[in-house]
Amino acid sequence: MSSTIIRFNEIEEFRALEPTEDTGYTVEGYAVVYEQKTNVGGWFQEIIKRGALDGADLKDVPLFIHHQQRKIPLARSRNNNGNSTMQLTVDEKGLFFRAELDVENNSEAKALYSSIKRKDITGMSFAFRAKDEKWVDLDKELPTREIHKFEKIFEISALYSPQYEGANINARSESLDSEDKLALENARAKELDNSDKEQLELEKIKLEKIL
């Protein structure tokens, strides 16, 4: 089974909505975006294919800041019901969320709402486990991992991160870097093993023809 992985996306549509009589202090945006190429640690590129969220486990998804899971979540989608403080919607673009923040009773929620409104925080990150993935161009210096299906989305987080070169930003940590590097090494080893098996099969066929 795959390990839990964290990814970060800079999204232009991350916004804080003005409160109204019907709604409180709400933030919304996309936590997961399809068909967006991301450079992972300089080892490989990654693309989440359209439809990867279909059938994924979204039963209990909390919202944090910087993946601080030991703290109280700022919002939470529980079975995505009407009583949840966060609603999730899977559409043709990816995973859209809308979270209502309790700015009166939670100072972190108030700070987050203000930071998003001021555009100090413009990114969303998500923790996930992949169910179906495919590696492409493993023989190249920068191969590509395609994620075709998610098994589970564990949580989403609002955060800022130092800018990496390229169009995307990754929220990295040493342990997660190691997981990604190991995934690439395993994929290349498997590809090499399959190649050896194919070569042996071809040699066997040639030998049978000679005999």
C-alpha atoms as a PDB file:
ATOM      1  CA  MET A   1       0.000   0.000   0.000  1.00  0.00           C
ATOM      2  CA  SER A   2       1.259   3.477  -0.871  1.00  0.00           C
ATOM      3  CA  SER A   3       2.383   5.871   1.826  1.00  0.00           C
ATOM      4  CA  THR A   4       0.595   9.087   2.704  1.00  0.00           C
ATOM      5  CA  ILE A   5       1.836  11.901   0.474  1.00  0.00           C
ATOM      6  CA  ILE A   6       1.480  15.668   0.704  1.00  0.00           C
ATOM      7  CA  ARG A   7       1.247  18.006  -2.272  1.00  0.00           C
ATOM      8  CA  PHE A   8       0.974  21.789  -2.530  1.00  0.00           C
ATOM      9  CA  ASN A   9      -0.728  23.905  -5.178  1.00  0.00           C
ATOM     10  CA  GLU A  10      -0.648  27.639  -5.722  1.00  0.00           C
ATOM     11  CA  ILE A  11      -4.217  28.507  -6.723  1.00  0.00           C
ATOM     12  CA  GLU A  12      -5.515  31.777  -8.043  1.00  0.00           C
ATOM     13  CA  GLU A  13      -9.098  31.060  -6.977  1.00  0.00           C
ATOM     14  CA  PHE A  14      -8.374  30.771  -3.252  1.00  0.00           C
ATOM     15  CA  ARG A  15     -10.448  33.512  -1.647  1.00  0.00           C
ATOM     16  CA  ALA A  16     -12.121  34.805   1.508  1.00  0.00           C
ATOM     17  CA  LEU A  17     -15.767  35.736   1.002  1.00  0.00           C
ATOM     18  CA  GLU A  18     -17.371  38.744   2.637  1.00  0.00           C
ATOM     19  CA  PRO A  19     -19.794  37.694   5.398  1.00  0.00           C
ATOM     20  CA  THR A  20     -23.502  38.165   4.760  1.00  0.00           C
ATOM     21  CA  GLU A  21     -26.711  37.692   6.748  1.00  0.00           C
ATOM     22  CA  ASP A  22     -26.880  34.104   5.515  1.00  0.00           C
ATOM     23  CA  THR A  23     -23.213  33.135   5.587  1.00  0.00           C
ATOM     24  CA  GLY A  24     -20.421  33.691   8.068  1.00  0.00           C
ATOM     25  CA  TYR A  25     -16.723  34.079   7.391  1.00  0.00           C
ATOM     26  CA  THR A  26     -16.116  31.669   4.541  1.00  0.00           C
ATOM     27  CA  VAL A  27     -13.072  30.683   2.485  1.00  0.00           C
ATOM     28  CA  GLU A  28     -13.161  28.632  -0.682  1.00  0.00           C
ATOM     29  CA  GLY A  29     -10.976  27.336  -3.471  1.00  0.00           C
ATOM     30  CA  TYR A  30      -9.522  24.179  -5.002  1.00  0.00           C
ATOM     31  CA  ALA A  31      -7.467  21.841  -2.846  1.00  0.00           C
ATOM     32  CA  VAL A  32      -6.793  19.400  -5.699  1.00  0.00           C
ATOM     33  CA  VAL A  33      -6.438  20.411  -9.351  1.00  0.00           C
ATOM     34  CA  TYR A  34      -6.515  18.002 -12.288  1.00  0.00           C
ATOM     35  CA  GLU A  35      -4.048  18.015 -15.195  1.00  0.00           C
ATOM     36  CA  GLN A  36      -1.615  20.365 -13.474  1.00  0.00           C
ATOM     37  CA  LYS A  37       2.006  19.318 -13.882  1.00  0.00           C
ATOM     38  CA  THR A  38       4.027  19.509 -10.671  1.00  0.00           C
ATOM     39  CA  ASN A  39       7.779  19.105 -10.245  1.00  0.00           C
ATOM     40  CA  VAL A  40       8.350  16.856  -7.235  1.00  0.00           C
ATOM     41  CA  GLY A  41      11.690  17.522  -5.599  1.00  0.00           C
ATOM     42  CA  GLY A  42      13.446  17.711  -8.958  1.00  0.00           C
ATOM     43  CA  TRP A  43      13.138  13.912  -9.268  1.00  0.00           C
ATOM     44  CA  PHE A  44      10.009  13.590 -11.349  1.00  0.00           C
ATOM     45  CA  GLN A  45       6.891  15.358 -12.555  1.00  0.00           C
ATOM     46  CA  GLU A  46       3.450  14.458 -11.339  1.00  0.00           C
ATOM     47  CA  ILE A  47       0.038  14.898 -12.921  1.00  0.00           C
ATOM     48  CA  ILE A  48      -3.316  14.174 -11.298  1.00  0.00           C
ATOM     49  CA  LYS A  49      -5.474  12.840 -14.097  1.00  0.00           C
ATOM     50  CA  ARG A  50      -9.033  13.987 -14.548  1.00  0.00           C
ATOM     51  CA  GLY A  51     -11.402  11.719 -12.633  1.00  0.00           C
ATOM     52  CA  ALA A  52      -8.789  10.637 -10.085  1.00  0.00           C
ATOM     53  CA  LEU A  53     -11.109  11.675  -7.245  1.00  0.00           C
ATOM     54  CA  ASP A  54     -13.995   9.508  -8.458  1.00  0.00           C
ATOM     55  CA  GLY A  55     -14.619   6.892  -5.783  1.00  0.00           C
ATOM     56  CA  ALA A  56     -12.011   8.322  -3.391  1.00  0.00           C
ATOM     57  CA  ASP A  57     -12.674   8.201   0.355  1.00  0.00           C
ATOM     58  CA  LEU A  58     -13.806  11.718   1.363  1.00  0.00           C
ATOM     59  CA  LYS A  59     -15.818  10.678   4.406  1.00  0.00           C
ATOM     60  CA  ASP A  60     -13.908  12.725   6.976  1.00  0.00           C
ATOM     61  CA  VAL A  61     -11.693  15.553   5.740  1.00  0.00           C
ATOM     62  CA  PRO A  62     -10.530  18.301   8.155  1.00  0.00           C
ATOM     63  CA  LEU A  63      -9.003  21.687   7.298  1.00  0.00           C
ATOM     64  CA  PHE A  64      -5.740  22.704   8.984  1.00  0.00           C
ATOM     65  CA  ILE A  65      -3.021  25.290   8.627  1.00  0.00           C
ATOM     66  CA  HIS A  66       0.338  23.834   7.548  1.00  0.00           C
ATOM     67  CA  HIS A  67      -0.815  20.269   8.267  1.00  0.00           C
ATOM     68  CA  GLN A  68      -0.811  20.895  12.028  1.00  0.00           C
ATOM     69  CA  GLN A  69      -2.923  17.853  12.752  1.00  0.00           C
ATOM     70  CA  ARG A  70      -2.342  18.007  16.491  1.00  0.00           C
ATOM     71  CA  LYS A  71      -4.330  21.218  16.635  1.00  0.00           C
ATOM     72  CA  ILE A  72      -8.082  21.637  16.439  1.00  0.00           C
ATOM     73  CA  PRO A  73      -9.254  21.656  12.813  1.00  0.00           C
ATOM     74  CA  LEU A  74     -10.559  24.992  11.578  1.00  0.00           C
ATOM     75  CA  ALA A  75     -13.346  23.251   9.648  1.00  0.00           C
ATOM     76  CA  ARG A  76     -14.334  19.698   8.871  1.00  0.00           C
ATOM     77  CA  SER A  77     -16.307  17.801   6.272  1.00  0.00           C
ATOM     78  CA  ARG A  78     -18.002  14.781   7.843  1.00  0.00           C
ATOM     79  CA  ASN A  79     -19.705  12.697   5.185  1.00  0.00           C
ATOM     80  CA  ASN A  80     -20.086  16.057   3.415  1.00  0.00           C
ATOM     81  CA  ASN A  81     -23.464  16.576   5.063  1.00  0.00           C
ATOM     82  CA  GLY A  82     -25.264  19.886   5.564  1.00  0.00           C
ATOM     83  CA  ASN A  83     -24.190  20.114   9.195  1.00  0.00           C
ATOM     84  CA  SER A  84     -20.494  20.012   8.331  1.00  0.00           C
ATOM     85  CA  THR A  85     -18.486  23.214   8.592  1.00  0.00           C
ATOM     86  CA  MET A  86     -16.810  22.411   5.271  1.00  0.00           C
ATOM     87  CA  GLN A  87     -18.377  21.265   2.020  1.00  0.00           C
ATOM     88  CA  LEU A  88     -16.447  19.364  -0.665  1.00  0.00           C
ATOM     89  CA  THR A  89     -17.373  19.170  -4.330  1.00  0.00           C
ATOM     90  CA  VAL A  90     -15.671  17.036  -6.960  1.00  0.00           C
ATOM     91  CA  ASP A  91     -16.030  18.660 -10.382  1.00  0.00           C
ATOM     92  CA  GLU A  92     -14.268  18.677 -13.754  1.00  0.00           C
ATOM     93  CA  LYS A  93     -11.443  20.832 -12.362  1.00  0.00           C
ATOM     94  CA  GLY A  94     -10.700  18.908  -9.159  1.00  0.00           C
ATOM     95  CA  LEU A  95     -11.704  19.109  -5.495  1.00  0.00           C
ATOM     96  CA  PHE A  96     -13.479  22.347  -4.576  1.00  0.00           C
ATOM     97  CA  PHE A  97     -14.000  23.221  -0.913  1.00  0.00           C
ATOM     98  CA  ARG A  98     -15.957  25.864   0.976  1.00  0.00           C
ATOM     99  CA  ALA A  99     -15.232  26.221   4.698  1.00  0.00           C
ATOM    100  CA  GLU A 100     -16.973  28.379   7.276  1.00  0.00           C
ATOM    101  CA  LEU A 101     -14.525  29.733   9.867  1.00  0.00           C
ATOM    102  CA  ASP A 102     -15.375  30.631  13.449  1.00  0.00           C
ATOM    103  CA  VAL A 103     -13.443  33.891  13.625  1.00  0.00           C
ATOM    104  CA  GLU A 104     -15.146  34.994  16.857  1.00  0.00           C
ATOM    105  CA  ASN A 105     -14.106  32.033  18.988  1.00  0.00           C
ATOM    106  CA  ASN A 106     -10.963  30.803  17.243  1.00  0.00           C
ATOM    107  CA  SER A 107      -8.033  33.203  16.872  1.00  0.00           C
ATOM    108  CA  GLU A 108      -6.320  30.948  14.303  1.00  0.00           C
ATOM    109  CA  ALA A 109      -9.450  30.933  12.160  1.00  0.00           C
ATOM    110  CA  LYS A 110      -9.553  34.722  12.353  1.00  0.00           C
ATOM    111  CA  ALA A 111      -5.883  34.973  11.385  1.00  0.00           C
ATOM    112  CA  LEU A 112      -6.363  32.551   8.486  1.00  0.00           C
ATOM    113  CA  TYR A 113      -9.365  34.443   7.117  1.00  0.00           C
ATOM    114  CA  SER A 114      -7.423  37.711   7.286  1.00  0.00           C
ATOM    115  CA  SER A 115      -4.324  36.203   5.641  1.00  0.00           C
ATOM    116  CA  ILE A 116      -6.334  34.773   2.761  1.00  0.00           C
ATOM    117  CA  LYS A 117      -8.195  38.027   2.263  1.00  0.00           C
ATOM    118  CA  ARG A 118      -4.888  39.940   2.209  1.00  0.00           C
ATOM    119  CA  LYS A 119      -3.429  37.366  -0.234  1.00  0.00           C
ATOM    120  CA  ASP A 120      -0.654  36.517   2.228  1.00  0.00           C
ATOM    121  CA  ILE A 121      -1.738  32.887   1.990  1.00  0.00           C
ATOM    122  CA  THR A 122      -2.571  31.743  -1.528  1.00  0.00           C
ATOM    123  CA  GLY A 123      -1.911  28.011  -1.519  1.00  0.00           C
ATOM    124  CA  MET A 124      -3.648  24.802  -0.577  1.00  0.00           C
ATOM    125  CA  SER A 125      -2.036  21.500   0.268  1.00  0.00           C
ATOM    126  CA  PHE A 126      -3.554  18.055   0.646  1.00  0.00           C
ATOM    127  CA  ALA A 127      -2.534  14.733   2.156  1.00  0.00           C
ATOM    128  CA  PHE A 128      -3.514  11.654   0.178  1.00  0.00           C
ATOM    129  CA  ARG A 129      -2.924   8.009  -0.617  1.00  0.00           C
ATOM    130  CA  ALA A 130      -2.901   6.925  -4.262  1.00  0.00           C
ATOM    131  CA  LYS A 131      -4.776   3.827  -5.427  1.00  0.00           C
ATOM    132  CA  ASP A 132      -3.830   3.677  -9.113  1.00  0.00           C
ATOM    133  CA  GLU A 133      -0.777   5.348 -10.610  1.00  0.00           C
ATOM    134  CA  LYS A 134       1.318   4.996 -13.761  1.00  0.00           C
ATOM    135  CA  TRP A 135       4.941   5.918 -14.432  1.00  0.00           C
ATOM    136  CA  VAL A 136       5.903   7.352 -17.827  1.00  0.00           C
ATOM    137  CA  ASP A 137       9.362   7.954 -19.340  1.00  0.00           C
ATOM    138  CA  LEU A 138      11.253   6.203 -16.555  1.00  0.00           C
ATOM    139  CA  ASP A 139      14.313   6.081 -18.806  1.00  0.00           C
ATOM    140  CA  LYS A 140      14.477   9.880 -18.876  1.00  0.00           C
ATOM    141  CA  GLU A 141      16.128  12.158 -16.332  1.00  0.00           C
ATOM    142  CA  LEU A 142      12.750  13.602 -15.316  1.00  0.00           C
ATOM    143  CA  PRO A 143      10.037  10.912 -15.600  1.00  0.00           C
ATOM    144  CA  THR A 144       6.354  11.486 -14.925  1.00  0.00           C
ATOM    145  CA  ARG A 145       4.030   9.880 -12.407  1.00  0.00           C
ATOM    146  CA  GLU A 146       0.373   9.951 -13.373  1.00  0.00           C
ATOM    147  CA  ILE A 147      -2.122   9.559 -10.546  1.00  0.00           C
ATOM    148  CA  HIS A 148      -5.243   7.976 -12.022  1.00  0.00           C
ATOM    149  CA  LYS A 149      -7.121   7.212  -8.802  1.00  0.00           C
ATOM    150  CA  PHE A 150      -6.918   8.390  -5.208  1.00  0.00           C
ATOM    151  CA  GLU A 151      -7.660   5.927  -2.440  1.00  0.00           C
ATOM    152  CA  LYS A 152      -8.212   8.559   0.258  1.00  0.00           C
ATOM    153  CA  ILE A 153      -7.878  12.278   0.936  1.00  0.00           C
ATOM    154  CA  PHE A 154      -6.841  12.570   4.592  1.00  0.00           C
ATOM    155  CA  GLU A 155      -6.913  16.350   5.058  1.00  0.00           C
ATOM    156  CA  ILE A 156      -6.418  19.679   3.338  1.00  0.00           C
ATOM    157  CA  SER A 157      -4.356  22.606   4.591  1.00  0.00           C
ATOM    158  CA  ALA A 158      -3.919  26.282   3.847  1.00  0.00           C
ATOM    159  CA  LEU A 159      -0.283  27.359   3.720  1.00  0.00           C
ATOM    160  CA  TYR A 160       2.388  29.471   2.153  1.00  0.00           C
ATOM    161  CA  SER A 161       5.729  28.046   1.061  1.00  0.00           C
ATOM    162  CA  PRO A 162       9.020  29.271  -0.415  1.00  0.00           C
ATOM    163  CA  GLN A 163       8.820  29.462  -4.200  1.00  0.00           C
ATOM    164  CA  TYR A 164      10.513  26.692  -6.143  1.00  0.00           C
ATOM    165  CA  GLU A 165      11.578  27.189  -9.735  1.00  0.00           C
ATOM    166  CA  GLY A 166       8.791  26.456 -12.173  1.00  0.00           C
ATOM    167  CA  ALA A 167       5.067  27.046 -12.218  1.00  0.00           C
ATOM    168  CA  ASN A 168       4.239  25.021  -9.134  1.00  0.00           C
ATOM    169  CA  ILE A 169       5.154  24.938  -5.480  1.00  0.00           C
ATOM    170  CA  ASN A 170       5.658  21.828  -3.362  1.00  0.00           C
ATOM    171  CA  ALA A 171       5.303  21.719   0.393  1.00  0.00           C
ATOM    172  CA  ARG A 172       8.253  19.505   1.169  1.00  0.00           C
ATOM    173  CA  SER A 173       9.670  17.807   4.213  1.00  0.00           C
ATOM    174  CA  GLU A 174      12.688  15.534   4.561  1.00  0.00           C
ATOM    175  CA  SER A 175      10.592  12.448   5.253  1.00  0.00           C
ATOM    176  CA  LEU A 176       8.248  13.116   2.340  1.00  0.00           C
ATOM    177  CA  ASP A 177      11.173  13.797   0.030  1.00  0.00           C
ATOM    178  CA  SER A 178      12.514  10.359   0.963  1.00  0.00           C
ATOM    179  CA  GLU A 179       9.151   8.728   0.235  1.00  0.00           C
ATOM    180  CA  ASP A 180       8.971  10.313  -3.219  1.00  0.00           C
ATOM    181  CA  LYS A 181      12.556   9.393  -4.039  1.00  0.00           C
ATOM    182  CA  LEU A 182      11.948   5.808  -2.918  1.00  0.00           C
ATOM    183  CA  ALA A 183       8.806   5.622  -5.077  1.00  0.00           C
ATOM    184  CA  LEU A 184      10.821   6.631  -8.133  1.00  0.00           C
ATOM    185  CA  GLU A 185      13.618   4.151  -7.343  1.00  0.00           C
ATOM    186  CA  ASN A 186      11.087   1.331  -6.912  1.00  0.00           C
ATOM    187  CA  ALA A 187       9.342   2.205 -10.178  1.00  0.00           C
ATOM    188  CA  ARG A 188      12.651   2.210 -12.081  1.00  0.00           C
ATOM    189  CA  ALA A 189      13.696  -1.092 -10.502  1.00  0.00           C
ATOM    190  CA  LYS A 190      10.381  -2.660 -11.497  1.00  0.00           C
ATOM    191  CA  GLU A 191      10.733  -1.322 -15.043  1.00  0.00           C
ATOM    192  CA  LEU A 192      14.243  -2.779 -15.290  1.00  0.00           C
ATOM    193  CA  ASP A 193      13.062  -6.135 -13.957  1.00  0.00           C
ATOM    194  CA  ASN A 194      10.246  -6.266 -16.531  1.00  0.00           C
ATOM    195  CA  SER A 195      12.710  -5.374 -19.269  1.00  0.00           C
ATOM    196  CA  ASP A 196      15.017  -8.235 -18.215  1.00  0.00           C
ATOM    197  CA  LYS A 197      12.098 -10.658 -18.263  1.00  0.00           C
ATOM    198  CA  GLU A 198      11.127  -9.556 -21.765  1.00  0.00           C
ATOM    199  CA  GLN A 199      14.705 -10.000 -22.961  1.00  0.00           C
ATOM    200  CA  LEU A 200      14.880 -13.514 -21.497  1.00  0.00           C
ATOM    201  CA  GLU A 201      11.595 -14.413 -23.183  1.00  0.00           C
ATOM    202  CA  LEU A 202      12.890 -13.184 -26.555  1.00  0.00           C
ATOM    203  CA  GLU A 203      16.089 -15.209 -26.164  1.00  0.00           C
ATOM    204  CA  LYS A 204      14.029 -18.272 -25.272  1.00  0.00           C
ATOM    205  CA  ILE A 205      11.921 -17.868 -28.418  1.00  0.00           C
ATOM    206  CA  LYS A 206      15.053 -17.500 -30.562  1.00  0.00           C
ATOM    207  CA  LEU A 207      16.561 -20.629 -29.027  1.00  0.00           C
ATOM    208  CA  GLU A 208      13.383 -22.633 -29.663  1.00  0.00           C
ATOM    209  CA  LYS A 209      13.435 -21.599 -33.322  1.00  0.00           C
ATOM    210  CA  ILE A 210      17.058 -22.733 -33.675  1.00  0.00           C
ATOM    211  CA  LEU A 211      16.335 -26.101 -32.077  1.00  0.00           C
END
